PDB file of N, CA and C in Angstrom:
ATOM      1  N   MET A   1     -46.740 -54.843 113.594  1.00  0.00           N
ATOM      2  CA  MET A   1     -46.140 -55.922 114.344  1.00  0.00           C
ATOM      3  C   MET A   1     -44.944 -55.377 115.134  1.00  0.00           C
ATOM      4  N   GLU A   2     -44.881 -55.731 116.407  1.00  0.00           N
ATOM      5  CA  GLU A   2     -43.825 -55.238 117.276  1.00  0.00           C
ATOM      6  C   GLU A   2     -42.553 -56.053 117.109  1.00  0.00           C
ATOM      7  N   ARG A   3     -41.425 -55.327 117.017  1.00  0.00           N
ATOM      8  CA  ARG A   3     -40.131 -56.007 116.885  1.00  0.00           C
ATOM      9  C   ARG A   3     -39.665 -56.496 118.243  1.00  0.00           C
ATOM     10  N   LYS A   4     -38.994 -57.637 118.233  1.00  0.00           N
ATOM     11  CA  LYS A   4     -38.444 -58.193 119.463  1.00  0.00           C
ATOM     12  C   LYS A   4     -36.977 -57.840 119.547  1.00  0.00           C
ATOM     13  N   GLY A   5     -36.427 -57.965 120.762  1.00  0.00           N
ATOM     14  CA  GLY A   5     -35.001 -57.715 120.939  1.00  0.00           C
ATOM     15  C   GLY A   5     -34.743 -56.364 121.573  1.00  0.00           C
ATOM     16  N   LEU A   6     -33.476 -56.080 121.764  1.00  0.00           N
ATOM     17  CA  LEU A   6     -33.076 -54.830 122.384  1.00  0.00           C
ATOM     18  C   LEU A   6     -33.229 -53.678 121.411  1.00  0.00           C
ATOM     19  N   ARG A   7     -33.719 -52.581 121.931  1.00  0.00           N
ATOM     20  CA  ARG A   7     -33.800 -51.364 121.144  1.00  0.00           C
ATOM     21  C   ARG A   7     -32.652 -50.461 121.559  1.00  0.00           C
ATOM     22  N   LEU A   8     -32.021 -49.815 120.614  1.00  0.00           N
ATOM     23  CA  LEU A   8     -30.876 -48.955 120.887  1.00  0.00           C
ATOM     24  C   LEU A   8     -31.238 -47.846 121.858  1.00  0.00           C
ATOM     25  N   TRP A   9     -32.422 -47.240 121.699  1.00  0.00           N
ATOM     26  CA  TRP A   9     -32.795 -46.128 122.570  1.00  0.00           C
ATOM     27  C   TRP A   9     -32.907 -46.576 124.017  1.00  0.00           C
ATOM     28  N   ALA A  10     -33.364 -47.804 124.253  1.00  0.00           N
ATOM     29  CA  ALA A  10     -33.496 -48.309 125.619  1.00  0.00           C
ATOM     30  C   ALA A  10     -32.128 -48.536 126.244  1.00  0.00           C
ATOM     31  N   VAL A  11     -31.198 -49.068 125.457  1.00  0.00           N
ATOM     32  CA  VAL A  11     -29.840 -49.279 125.948  1.00  0.00           C
ATOM     33  C   VAL A  11     -29.190 -47.942 126.272  1.00  0.00           C
ATOM     34  N   VAL A  12     -29.316 -46.970 125.363  1.00  0.00           N
ATOM     35  CA  VAL A  12     -28.747 -45.639 125.591  1.00  0.00           C
ATOM     36  C   VAL A  12     -29.380 -44.996 126.820  1.00  0.00           C
ATOM     37  N   PHE A  13     -30.679 -45.133 126.985  1.00  0.00           N
ATOM     38  CA  PHE A  13     -31.370 -44.570 128.150  1.00  0.00           C
ATOM     39  C   PHE A  13     -30.756 -45.076 129.456  1.00  0.00           C
ATOM     40  N   TRP A  14     -30.557 -46.403 129.568  1.00  0.00           N
ATOM     41  CA  TRP A  14     -30.030 -46.964 130.809  1.00  0.00           C
ATOM     42  C   TRP A  14     -28.561 -46.628 131.015  1.00  0.00           C
ATOM     43  N   ILE A  15     -27.806 -46.480 129.942  1.00  0.00           N
ATOM     44  CA  ILE A  15     -26.410 -46.048 130.085  1.00  0.00           C
ATOM     45  C   ILE A  15     -26.365 -44.607 130.579  1.00  0.00           C
ATOM     46  N   VAL A  16     -27.247 -43.763 130.086  1.00  0.00           N
ATOM     47  CA  VAL A  16     -27.318 -42.372 130.563  1.00  0.00           C
ATOM     48  C   VAL A  16     -27.727 -42.338 132.032  1.00  0.00           C
ATOM     49  N   ILE A  17     -28.682 -43.160 132.433  1.00  0.00           N
ATOM     50  CA  ILE A  17     -29.084 -43.229 133.848  1.00  0.00           C
ATOM     51  C   ILE A  17     -27.899 -43.680 134.705  1.00  0.00           C
ATOM     52  N   TRP A  18     -27.187 -44.687 134.241  1.00  0.00           N
ATOM     53  CA  TRP A  18     -26.000 -45.193 134.945  1.00  0.00           C
ATOM     54  C   TRP A  18     -24.956 -44.091 135.100  1.00  0.00           C
ATOM     55  N   GLN A  19     -24.682 -43.364 134.007  1.00  0.00           N
ATOM     56  CA  GLN A  19     -23.694 -42.286 134.063  1.00  0.00           C
ATOM     57  C   GLN A  19     -24.152 -41.183 135.016  1.00  0.00           C
ATOM     58  N   GLY A  20     -25.431 -40.858 134.972  1.00  0.00           N
ATOM     59  CA  GLY A  20     -25.965 -39.839 135.879  1.00  0.00           C
ATOM     60  C   GLY A  20     -25.850 -40.254 137.335  1.00  0.00           C
ATOM     61  N   ALA A  21     -26.124 -41.502 137.622  1.00  0.00           N
ATOM     62  CA  ALA A  21     -26.014 -42.003 138.997  1.00  0.00           C
ATOM     63  C   ALA A  21     -24.554 -41.998 139.444  1.00  0.00           C
ATOM     64  N   ALA A  22     -23.654 -42.379 138.552  1.00  0.00           N
ATOM     65  CA  ALA A  22     -22.224 -42.364 138.890  1.00  0.00           C
ATOM     66  C   ALA A  22     -21.756 -40.944 139.157  1.00  0.00           C
ATOM     67  N   PHE A  23     -22.231 -39.994 138.363  1.00  0.00           N
ATOM     68  CA  PHE A  23     -21.878 -38.589 138.568  1.00  0.00           C
ATOM     69  C   PHE A  23     -22.437 -38.070 139.891  1.00  0.00           C
ATOM     70  N   ALA A  24     -23.676 -38.472 140.202  1.00  0.00           N
ATOM     71  CA  ALA A  24     -24.311 -38.035 141.451  1.00  0.00           C
ATOM     72  C   ALA A  24     -23.593 -38.603 142.674  1.00  0.00           C
ATOM     73  N   VAL A  25     -23.163 -39.859 142.596  1.00  0.00           N
ATOM     74  CA  VAL A  25     -22.436 -40.469 143.708  1.00  0.00           C
ATOM     75  C   VAL A  25     -21.072 -39.805 143.855  1.00  0.00           C
ATOM     76  N   GLY A  26     -20.420 -39.565 142.738  1.00  0.00           N
ATOM     77  CA  GLY A  26     -19.163 -38.843 142.746  1.00  0.00           C
ATOM     78  C   GLY A  26     -17.969 -39.621 143.276  1.00  0.00           C
ATOM     79  N   GLU A  27     -18.117 -40.894 143.489  1.00  0.00           N
ATOM     80  CA  GLU A  27     -17.023 -41.722 143.997  1.00  0.00           C
ATOM     81  C   GLU A  27     -16.919 -42.954 143.116  1.00  0.00           C
ATOM     82  N   GLU A  28     -15.859 -42.990 142.290  1.00  0.00           N
ATOM     83  CA  GLU A  28     -15.708 -44.075 141.322  1.00  0.00           C
ATOM     84  C   GLU A  28     -15.571 -45.438 141.985  1.00  0.00           C
ATOM     85  N   LEU A  29     -15.076 -45.468 143.201  1.00  0.00           N
ATOM     86  CA  LEU A  29     -14.940 -46.735 143.911  1.00  0.00           C
ATOM     87  C   LEU A  29     -16.316 -47.327 144.246  1.00  0.00           C
ATOM     88  N   LEU A  30     -17.283 -46.475 144.549  1.00  0.00           N
ATOM     89  CA  LEU A  30     -18.631 -46.944 144.892  1.00  0.00           C
ATOM     90  C   LEU A  30     -19.464 -47.250 143.653  1.00  0.00           C
ATOM     91  N   LEU A  31     -19.416 -46.358 142.670  1.00  0.00           N
ATOM     92  CA  LEU A  31     -20.208 -46.552 141.448  1.00  0.00           C
ATOM     93  C   LEU A  31     -19.460 -45.960 140.264  1.00  0.00           C
ATOM     94  N   PRO A  32     -18.671 -46.788 139.587  1.00  0.00           N
ATOM     95  CA  PRO A  32     -17.974 -46.272 138.406  1.00  0.00           C
ATOM     96  C   PRO A  32     -18.956 -46.064 137.257  1.00  0.00           C
ATOM     97  N   GLY A  33     -18.645 -45.126 136.408  1.00  0.00           N
ATOM     98  CA  GLY A  33     -19.482 -44.867 135.236  1.00  0.00           C
ATOM     99  C   GLY A  33     -19.250 -45.904 134.156  1.00  0.00           C
ATOM    100  N   PRO A  34     -20.051 -45.867 133.110  1.00  0.00           N
ATOM    101  CA  PRO A  34     -19.928 -46.859 132.039  1.00  0.00           C
ATOM    102  C   PRO A  34     -18.580 -46.792 131.309  1.00  0.00           C
ATOM    103  N   VAL A  35     -18.017 -45.597 131.141  1.00  0.00           N
ATOM    104  CA  VAL A  35     -16.730 -45.475 130.450  1.00  0.00           C
ATOM    105  C   VAL A  35     -15.625 -46.096 131.298  1.00  0.00           C
ATOM    106  N   ALA A  36     -15.620 -45.807 132.603  1.00  0.00           N
ATOM    107  CA  ALA A  36     -14.607 -46.385 133.493  1.00  0.00           C
ATOM    108  C   ALA A  36     -14.743 -47.904 133.559  1.00  0.00           C
ATOM    109  N   ALA A  37     -15.977 -48.399 133.586  1.00  0.00           N
ATOM    110  CA  ALA A  37     -16.198 -49.846 133.637  1.00  0.00           C
ATOM    111  C   ALA A  37     -15.712 -50.513 132.347  1.00  0.00           C
ATOM    112  N   LEU A  38     -15.992 -49.903 131.202  1.00  0.00           N
ATOM    113  CA  LEU A  38     -15.548 -50.456 129.927  1.00  0.00           C
ATOM    114  C   LEU A  38     -14.019 -50.436 129.827  1.00  0.00           C
ATOM    115  N   LYS A  39     -13.406 -49.350 130.283  1.00  0.00           N
ATOM    116  CA  LYS A  39     -11.942 -49.246 130.270  1.00  0.00           C
ATOM    117  C   LYS A  39     -11.327 -50.341 131.138  1.00  0.00           C
ATOM    118  N   SER A  40     -11.887 -50.553 132.326  1.00  0.00           N
ATOM    119  CA  SER A  40     -11.391 -51.595 133.225  1.00  0.00           C
ATOM    120  C   SER A  40     -11.567 -52.979 132.605  1.00  0.00           C
ATOM    121  N   LEU A  41     -12.701 -53.210 131.983  1.00  0.00           N
ATOM    122  CA  LEU A  41     -12.940 -54.497 131.316  1.00  0.00           C
ATOM    123  C   LEU A  41     -11.923 -54.744 130.210  1.00  0.00           C
ATOM    124  N   MET A  42     -11.642 -53.720 129.421  1.00  0.00           N
ATOM    125  CA  MET A  42     -10.673 -53.870 128.331  1.00  0.00           C
ATOM    126  C   MET A  42      -9.279 -54.204 128.869  1.00  0.00           C
ATOM    127  N   GLU A  43      -8.929 -53.668 130.018  1.00  0.00           N
ATOM    128  CA  GLU A  43      -7.641 -53.984 130.640  1.00  0.00           C
ATOM    129  C   GLU A  43      -7.628 -55.424 131.154  1.00  0.00           C
ATOM    130  N   MET A  44      -8.730 -55.862 131.763  1.00  0.00           N
ATOM    131  CA  MET A  44      -8.784 -57.210 132.333  1.00  0.00           C
ATOM    132  C   MET A  44      -8.816 -58.293 131.264  1.00  0.00           C
ATOM    133  N   VAL A  45      -9.449 -58.019 130.132  1.00  0.00           N
ATOM    134  CA  VAL A  45      -9.571 -59.007 129.055  1.00  0.00           C
ATOM    135  C   VAL A  45      -8.198 -59.447 128.556  1.00  0.00           C
ATOM    136  N   ARG A  46      -7.210 -58.605 128.705  1.00  0.00           N
ATOM    137  CA  ARG A  46      -5.859 -58.917 128.219  1.00  0.00           C
ATOM    138  C   ARG A  46      -5.082 -59.836 129.161  1.00  0.00           C
ATOM    139  N   THR A  47      -5.622 -60.138 130.335  1.00  0.00           N
ATOM    140  CA  THR A  47      -4.876 -60.935 131.304  1.00  0.00           C
ATOM    141  C   THR A  47      -5.339 -62.387 131.311  1.00  0.00           C
ATOM    142  N   GLY A  48      -4.427 -63.261 131.654  1.00  0.00           N
ATOM    143  CA  GLY A  48      -4.759 -64.681 131.759  1.00  0.00           C
ATOM    144  C   GLY A  48      -5.650 -64.969 132.961  1.00  0.00           C
ATOM    145  N   GLU A  49      -5.489 -64.184 134.024  1.00  0.00           N
ATOM    146  CA  GLU A  49      -6.306 -64.393 135.229  1.00  0.00           C
ATOM    147  C   GLU A  49      -7.789 -64.180 134.935  1.00  0.00           C
ATOM    148  N   PHE A  50      -8.088 -63.203 134.084  1.00  0.00           N
ATOM    149  CA  PHE A  50      -9.476 -62.932 133.715  1.00  0.00           C
ATOM    150  C   PHE A  50     -10.094 -64.147 133.030  1.00  0.00           C
ATOM    151  N   TRP A  51      -9.384 -64.683 132.043  1.00  0.00           N
ATOM    152  CA  TRP A  51      -9.920 -65.815 131.287  1.00  0.00           C
ATOM    153  C   TRP A  51      -9.982 -67.075 132.147  1.00  0.00           C
ATOM    154  N   GLN A  52      -9.045 -67.207 133.084  1.00  0.00           N
ATOM    155  CA  GLN A  52      -9.097 -68.333 134.010  1.00  0.00           C
ATOM    156  C   GLN A  52     -10.345 -68.227 134.885  1.00  0.00           C
ATOM    157  N   ALA A  53     -10.634 -67.016 135.381  1.00  0.00           N
ATOM    158  CA  ALA A  53     -11.827 -66.814 136.205  1.00  0.00           C
ATOM    159  C   ALA A  53     -13.098 -67.066 135.400  1.00  0.00           C
ATOM    160  N   VAL A  54     -13.119 -66.633 134.140  1.00  0.00           N
ATOM    161  CA  VAL A  54     -14.287 -66.870 133.276  1.00  0.00           C
ATOM    162  C   VAL A  54     -14.487 -68.369 133.066  1.00  0.00           C
ATOM    163  N   THR A  55     -13.389 -69.088 132.821  1.00  0.00           N
ATOM    164  CA  THR A  55     -13.472 -70.531 132.602  1.00  0.00           C
ATOM    165  C   THR A  55     -13.968 -71.260 133.839  1.00  0.00           C
ATOM    166  N   VAL A  56     -13.421 -70.914 135.006  1.00  0.00           N
ATOM    167  CA  VAL A  56     -13.842 -71.564 136.252  1.00  0.00           C
ATOM    168  C   VAL A  56     -15.309 -71.254 136.547  1.00  0.00           C
ATOM    169  N   SER A  57     -15.714 -69.995 136.364  1.00  0.00           N
ATOM    170  CA  SER A  57     -17.114 -69.635 136.607  1.00  0.00           C
ATOM    171  C   SER A  57     -18.057 -70.367 135.668  1.00  0.00           C
ATOM    172  N   THR A  58     -17.686 -70.454 134.405  1.00  0.00           N
ATOM    173  CA  THR A  58     -18.521 -71.161 133.425  1.00  0.00           C
ATOM    174  C   THR A  58     -18.638 -72.637 133.775  1.00  0.00           C
ATOM    175  N   ALA A  59     -17.521 -73.242 134.183  1.00  0.00           N
ATOM    176  CA  ALA A  59     -17.554 -74.658 134.584  1.00  0.00           C
ATOM    177  C   ALA A  59     -18.457 -74.852 135.796  1.00  0.00           C
ATOM    178  N   ARG A  60     -18.401 -73.943 136.757  1.00  0.00           N
ATOM    179  CA  ARG A  60     -19.269 -74.050 137.940  1.00  0.00           C
ATOM    180  C   ARG A  60     -20.741 -73.881 137.575  1.00  0.00           C
ATOM    181  N   ILE A  61     -21.033 -72.956 136.684  1.00  0.00           N
ATOM    182  CA  ILE A  61     -22.421 -72.738 136.265  1.00  0.00           C
ATOM    183  C   ILE A  61     -22.972 -73.981 135.582  1.00  0.00           C
ATOM    184  N   PHE A  62     -22.216 -74.513 134.604  1.00  0.00           N
ATOM    185  CA  PHE A  62     -22.668 -75.721 133.912  1.00  0.00           C
ATOM    186  C   PHE A  62     -22.730 -76.918 134.848  1.00  0.00           C
ATOM    187  N   GLY A  63     -21.750 -77.023 135.740  1.00  0.00           N
ATOM    188  CA  GLY A  63     -21.762 -78.113 136.717  1.00  0.00           C
ATOM    189  C   GLY A  63     -22.982 -78.053 137.612  1.00  0.00           C
ATOM    190  N   GLY A  64     -23.312 -76.856 138.085  1.00  0.00           N
ATOM    191  CA  GLY A  64     -24.503 -76.693 138.919  1.00  0.00           C
ATOM    192  C   GLY A  64     -25.782 -77.013 138.166  1.00  0.00           C
ATOM    193  N   PHE A  65     -25.837 -76.583 136.907  1.00  0.00           N
ATOM    194  CA  PHE A  65     -27.014 -76.877 136.095  1.00  0.00           C
ATOM    195  C   PHE A  65     -27.197 -78.380 135.912  1.00  0.00           C
ATOM    196  N   PHE A  66     -26.129 -79.071 135.533  1.00  0.00           N
ATOM    197  CA  PHE A  66     -26.232 -80.512 135.299  1.00  0.00           C
ATOM    198  C   PHE A  66     -26.485 -81.280 136.590  1.00  0.00           C
ATOM    199  N   LEU A  67     -25.901 -80.838 137.695  1.00  0.00           N
ATOM    200  CA  LEU A  67     -26.170 -81.478 138.982  1.00  0.00           C
ATOM    201  C   LEU A  67     -27.633 -81.293 139.379  1.00  0.00           C
ATOM    202  N   ALA A  68     -28.165 -80.090 139.155  1.00  0.00           N
ATOM    203  CA  ALA A  68     -29.581 -79.841 139.454  1.00  0.00           C
ATOM    204  C   ALA A  68     -30.488 -80.674 138.560  1.00  0.00           C
ATOM    205  N   ALA A  69     -30.149 -80.774 137.275  1.00  0.00           N
ATOM    206  CA  ALA A  69     -30.960 -81.582 136.355  1.00  0.00           C
ATOM    207  C   ALA A  69     -30.917 -83.052 136.740  1.00  0.00           C
ATOM    208  N   LEU A  70     -29.741 -83.543 137.094  1.00  0.00           N
ATOM    209  CA  LEU A  70     -29.596 -84.938 137.486  1.00  0.00           C
ATOM    210  C   LEU A  70     -30.354 -85.233 138.780  1.00  0.00           C
ATOM    211  N   SER A  71     -30.183 -84.375 139.785  1.00  0.00           N
ATOM    212  CA  SER A  71     -30.875 -84.616 141.058  1.00  0.00           C
ATOM    213  C   SER A  71     -32.383 -84.435 140.911  1.00  0.00           C
ATOM    214  N   GLY A  72     -32.810 -83.490 140.081  1.00  0.00           N
ATOM    215  CA  GLY A  72     -34.245 -83.306 139.840  1.00  0.00           C
ATOM    216  C   GLY A  72     -34.861 -84.504 139.143  1.00  0.00           C
ATOM    217  N   THR A  73     -34.138 -85.046 138.175  1.00  0.00           N
ATOM    218  CA  THR A  73     -34.622 -86.237 137.477  1.00  0.00           C
ATOM    219  C   THR A  73     -34.697 -87.431 138.424  1.00  0.00           C
ATOM    220  N   ALA A  74     -33.665 -87.591 139.256  1.00  0.00           N
ATOM    221  CA  ALA A  74     -33.664 -88.697 140.224  1.00  0.00           C
ATOM    222  C   ALA A  74     -34.804 -88.537 141.222  1.00  0.00           C
ATOM    223  N   MET A  75     -35.025 -87.315 141.698  1.00  0.00           N
ATOM    224  CA  MET A  75     -36.105 -87.080 142.663  1.00  0.00           C
ATOM    225  C   MET A  75     -37.475 -87.321 142.017  1.00  0.00           C
ATOM    226  N   ALA A  76     -37.621 -86.922 140.747  1.00  0.00           N
ATOM    227  CA  ALA A  76     -38.880 -87.153 140.039  1.00  0.00           C
ATOM    228  C   ALA A  76     -39.136 -88.650 139.868  1.00  0.00           C
ATOM    229  N   ALA A  77     -38.098 -89.404 139.535  1.00  0.00           N
ATOM    230  CA  ALA A  77     -38.254 -90.853 139.387  1.00  0.00           C
ATOM    231  C   ALA A  77     -38.637 -91.495 140.711  1.00  0.00           C
ATOM    232  N   CYS A  78     -38.017 -91.049 141.794  1.00  0.00           N
ATOM    233  CA  CYS A  78     -38.355 -91.594 143.124  1.00  0.00           C
ATOM    234  C   CYS A  78     -39.787 -91.225 143.505  1.00  0.00           C
ATOM    235  N   ALA A  79     -40.168 -89.979 143.235  1.00  0.00           N
ATOM    236  CA  ALA A  79     -41.535 -89.550 143.568  1.00  0.00           C
ATOM    237  C   ALA A  79     -42.563 -90.291 142.724  1.00  0.00           C
ATOM    238  N   TRP A  80     -42.217 -90.654 141.521  1.00  0.00           N
ATOM    239  CA  TRP A  80     -43.128 -91.400 140.665  1.00  0.00           C
ATOM    240  C   TRP A  80     -43.352 -92.810 141.213  1.00  0.00           C
ATOM    241  N   ARG A  81     -42.280 -93.398 141.762  1.00  0.00           N
ATOM    242  CA  ARG A  81     -42.369 -94.762 142.300  1.00  0.00           C
ATOM    243  C   ARG A  81     -42.925 -94.808 143.723  1.00  0.00           C
ATOM    244  N   LEU A  82     -42.712 -93.752 144.509  1.00  0.00           N
ATOM    245  CA  LEU A  82     -43.092 -93.750 145.933  1.00  0.00           C
ATOM    246  C   LEU A  82     -44.152 -92.687 146.194  1.00  0.00           C
ATOM    247  N   PRO A  83     -45.417 -93.102 146.330  1.00  0.00           N
ATOM    248  CA  PRO A  83     -46.501 -92.135 146.521  1.00  0.00           C
ATOM    249  C   PRO A  83     -46.316 -91.252 147.756  1.00  0.00           C
ATOM    250  N   ARG A  84     -45.756 -91.773 148.842  1.00  0.00           N
ATOM    251  CA  ARG A  84     -45.547 -90.962 150.050  1.00  0.00           C
ATOM    252  C   ARG A  84     -44.549 -89.834 149.796  1.00  0.00           C
ATOM    253  N   LEU A  85     -43.508 -90.128 149.044  1.00  0.00           N
ATOM    254  CA  LEU A  85     -42.535 -89.097 148.703  1.00  0.00           C
ATOM    255  C   LEU A  85     -43.182 -88.037 147.815  1.00  0.00           C
ATOM    256  N   ARG A  86     -44.038 -88.472 146.885  1.00  0.00           N
ATOM    257  CA  ARG A  86     -44.770 -87.539 146.032  1.00  0.00           C
ATOM    258  C   ARG A  86     -45.637 -86.617 146.874  1.00  0.00           C
ATOM    259  N   GLU A  87     -46.343 -87.175 147.863  1.00  0.00           N
ATOM    260  CA  GLU A  87     -47.171 -86.364 148.762  1.00  0.00           C
ATOM    261  C   GLU A  87     -46.314 -85.382 149.557  1.00  0.00           C
ATOM    262  N   LEU A  88     -45.145 -85.837 149.996  1.00  0.00           N
ATOM    263  CA  LEU A  88     -44.250 -84.986 150.770  1.00  0.00           C
ATOM    264  C   LEU A  88     -43.724 -83.810 149.939  1.00  0.00           C
ATOM    265  N   LEU A  89     -43.425 -84.066 148.668  1.00  0.00           N
ATOM    266  CA  LEU A  89     -42.856 -83.034 147.809  1.00  0.00           C
ATOM    267  C   LEU A  89     -43.900 -82.136 147.140  1.00  0.00           C
ATOM    268  N   GLN A  90     -45.158 -82.538 147.128  1.00  0.00           N
ATOM    269  CA  GLN A  90     -46.199 -81.791 146.417  1.00  0.00           C
ATOM    270  C   GLN A  90     -46.309 -80.327 146.858  1.00  0.00           C
ATOM    271  N   PRO A  91     -46.281 -80.003 148.165  1.00  0.00           N
ATOM    272  CA  PRO A  91     -46.353 -78.575 148.547  1.00  0.00           C
ATOM    273  C   PRO A  91     -45.172 -77.764 148.014  1.00  0.00           C
ATOM    274  N   VAL A  92     -43.985 -78.340 147.995  1.00  0.00           N
ATOM    275  CA  VAL A  92     -42.806 -77.638 147.471  1.00  0.00           C
ATOM    276  C   VAL A  92     -42.951 -77.412 145.965  1.00  0.00           C
ATOM    277  N   VAL A  93     -43.413 -78.425 145.257  1.00  0.00           N
ATOM    278  CA  VAL A  93     -43.610 -78.300 143.811  1.00  0.00           C
ATOM    279  C   VAL A  93     -44.678 -77.253 143.513  1.00  0.00           C
ATOM    280  N   THR A  94     -45.760 -77.261 144.264  1.00  0.00           N
ATOM    281  CA  THR A  94     -46.835 -76.284 144.069  1.00  0.00           C
ATOM    282  C   THR A  94     -46.331 -74.863 144.307  1.00  0.00           C
ATOM    283  N   ALA A  95     -45.569 -74.667 145.373  1.00  0.00           N
ATOM    284  CA  ALA A  95     -45.014 -73.347 145.658  1.00  0.00           C
ATOM    285  C   ALA A  95     -44.040 -72.900 144.566  1.00  0.00           C
ATOM    286  N   ALA A  96     -43.202 -73.815 144.121  1.00  0.00           N
ATOM    287  CA  ALA A  96     -42.209 -73.469 143.100  1.00  0.00           C
ATOM    288  C   ALA A  96     -42.859 -73.117 141.760  1.00  0.00           C
ATOM    289  N   THR A  97     -43.931 -73.829 141.405  1.00  0.00           N
ATOM    290  CA  THR A  97     -44.592 -73.526 140.126  1.00  0.00           C
ATOM    291  C   THR A  97     -45.439 -72.271 140.203  1.00  0.00           C
ATOM    292  N   ALA A  98     -45.792 -71.830 141.413  1.00  0.00           N
ATOM    293  CA  ALA A  98     -46.591 -70.620 141.555  1.00  0.00           C
ATOM    294  C   ALA A  98     -45.735 -69.351 141.437  1.00  0.00           C
ATOM    295  N   ILE A  99     -44.431 -69.500 141.603  1.00  0.00           N
ATOM    296  CA  ILE A  99     -43.529 -68.347 141.537  1.00  0.00           C
ATOM    297  C   ILE A  99     -43.199 -68.064 140.077  1.00  0.00           C
ATOM    298  N   PRO A 100     -43.471 -66.837 139.622  1.00  0.00           N
ATOM    299  CA  PRO A 100     -43.205 -66.533 138.213  1.00  0.00           C
ATOM    300  C   PRO A 100     -41.718 -66.480 137.906  1.00  0.00           C
TER     301      PRO A 100
END
């Protein structure tokens, strides 16, 4: 039986690829390596601006999700009641469900 989840070797593989690409580019401003990125993250985590940005981003993500759910539900209810609207939206729904 195959185990699910992240495998350590796969994570290490991609970190090595990242480090190799950063070394090949040779310019930390364009592509910092994993150690430089982790060091920068550790410095930012200590600041209030970082947590403020995380909070605002999280609020926007949840707000967008709930707005999409609300508008989708409203549109579905309208399409259920109005056959012409259902016909109008059917090609969009078909295209959206065909995309993996």
